[in-house]
Protein backbone atom coordinates (compact mmCIF):
# COMPACT_ATOMS: atom_id res chain seq x y z
CA MET A 1 -89.92 27.78 -94.69
CA GLN A 2 -91.62 29.84 -92.00
CA ILE A 3 -90.08 31.45 -88.93
CA LEU A 4 -91.43 33.83 -86.30
CA PHE A 5 -89.76 37.24 -86.65
CA ILE A 6 -90.06 39.59 -83.67
CA ASN A 7 -88.91 43.13 -84.44
CA ASN A 8 -88.62 45.21 -81.25
CA ASP A 9 -87.37 48.26 -83.15
CA GLY A 10 -89.74 51.23 -82.96
CA ALA A 11 -93.33 50.11 -82.40
CA GLY A 12 -92.30 46.47 -82.75
CA PHE A 13 -94.21 43.62 -84.30
CA ALA A 14 -94.18 39.85 -84.52
CA ASP A 15 -95.13 37.92 -87.63
CA GLN A 16 -94.69 34.57 -89.29
CA ILE A 17 -92.52 35.16 -92.36
CA ASP A 18 -91.27 32.99 -95.18
CA VAL A 19 -87.51 32.72 -95.69
CA ALA A 20 -85.53 30.65 -98.15
CA ASP A 21 -83.78 27.48 -97.04
CA GLY A 22 -80.19 28.31 -96.09
CA THR A 23 -80.98 31.85 -94.92
CA THR A 24 -78.51 33.04 -92.27
CA ILE A 25 -79.09 35.54 -89.49
CA SER A 26 -76.94 38.01 -91.44
CA ASP A 27 -79.10 37.53 -94.57
CA LEU A 28 -82.31 38.06 -92.58
CA PHE A 29 -80.95 41.19 -90.89
CA ARG A 30 -79.99 42.76 -94.23
CA GLN A 31 -83.43 41.93 -95.66
CA ARG A 32 -85.48 43.21 -92.72
CA LEU A 33 -83.33 46.08 -91.42
CA PRO A 34 -81.40 47.27 -94.48
CA HIS A 35 -80.39 50.57 -92.88
CA GLY A 36 -79.51 49.10 -89.48
CA ARG A 37 -76.12 48.10 -88.11
CA PRO A 38 -76.05 44.61 -86.54
CA GLN A 39 -73.79 45.80 -83.72
CA ASP A 40 -76.62 48.10 -82.56
CA TYR A 41 -79.00 45.18 -81.95
CA LEU A 42 -79.34 42.17 -79.71
CA ILE A 43 -80.29 39.31 -82.03
CA ARG A 44 -81.51 36.01 -80.60
CA VAL A 45 -82.79 32.76 -82.08
CA ASN A 46 -85.12 30.74 -79.87
CA ARG A 47 -84.22 33.10 -76.97
CA GLN A 48 -80.50 32.32 -77.25
CA PRO A 49 -77.70 34.61 -78.49
CA THR A 50 -76.64 33.68 -82.00
CA THR A 51 -73.91 34.25 -84.57
CA ALA A 52 -74.24 36.06 -87.89
CA ASP A 53 -73.59 32.87 -89.86
CA ALA A 54 -76.19 30.73 -88.04
CA VAL A 55 -78.55 29.11 -90.56
CA LEU A 56 -82.24 29.46 -89.76
CA GLN A 57 -84.39 26.35 -89.30
CA PRO A 58 -88.15 25.94 -89.77
CA ALA A 59 -90.18 27.36 -86.85
CA ASP A 60 -87.21 29.30 -85.42
CA ARG A 61 -88.12 32.36 -83.34
CA VAL A 62 -85.87 35.34 -84.18
CA SER A 63 -85.98 38.50 -82.07
CA VAL A 64 -84.23 41.76 -82.92
CA THR A 65 -83.97 44.37 -80.15
CA PRO A 66 -82.07 47.66 -80.38
CA THR A 67 -79.39 48.15 -77.74
CA LYS A 68 -79.68 51.94 -78.09
CA ILE A 69 -82.89 53.91 -78.32
CA GLU A 70 -82.85 57.00 -80.55
CA GLY A 71 -83.23 60.20 -78.58
CA ALA A 72 -82.71 58.59 -75.19
CA ARG A 73 -80.53 60.58 -72.82
CA PRO A 74 -78.25 59.10 -70.19
CA ARG A 75 -79.84 58.93 -66.77
CA GLN A 76 -78.81 61.77 -64.45
CA HIS A 77 -77.51 60.66 -61.05
CA ASN A 78 -77.97 62.99 -58.06
């Protein structure tokens, strides 16, 4: 089945991808971001927060956005 996968990590991209029936959010994360840690990302399905065991459905829209940006420094307050 096809879903829309939006990866906002780094340069970011969006693409229609094929996933197997029964694929969970956790499965997709491990496939697409094998070196990432799920707790470092905001993961949404169809613009809604989701759980790791949610099973993807045809035409779902999955977005993965890092909650921390490498090299970013905390903002200095005057």
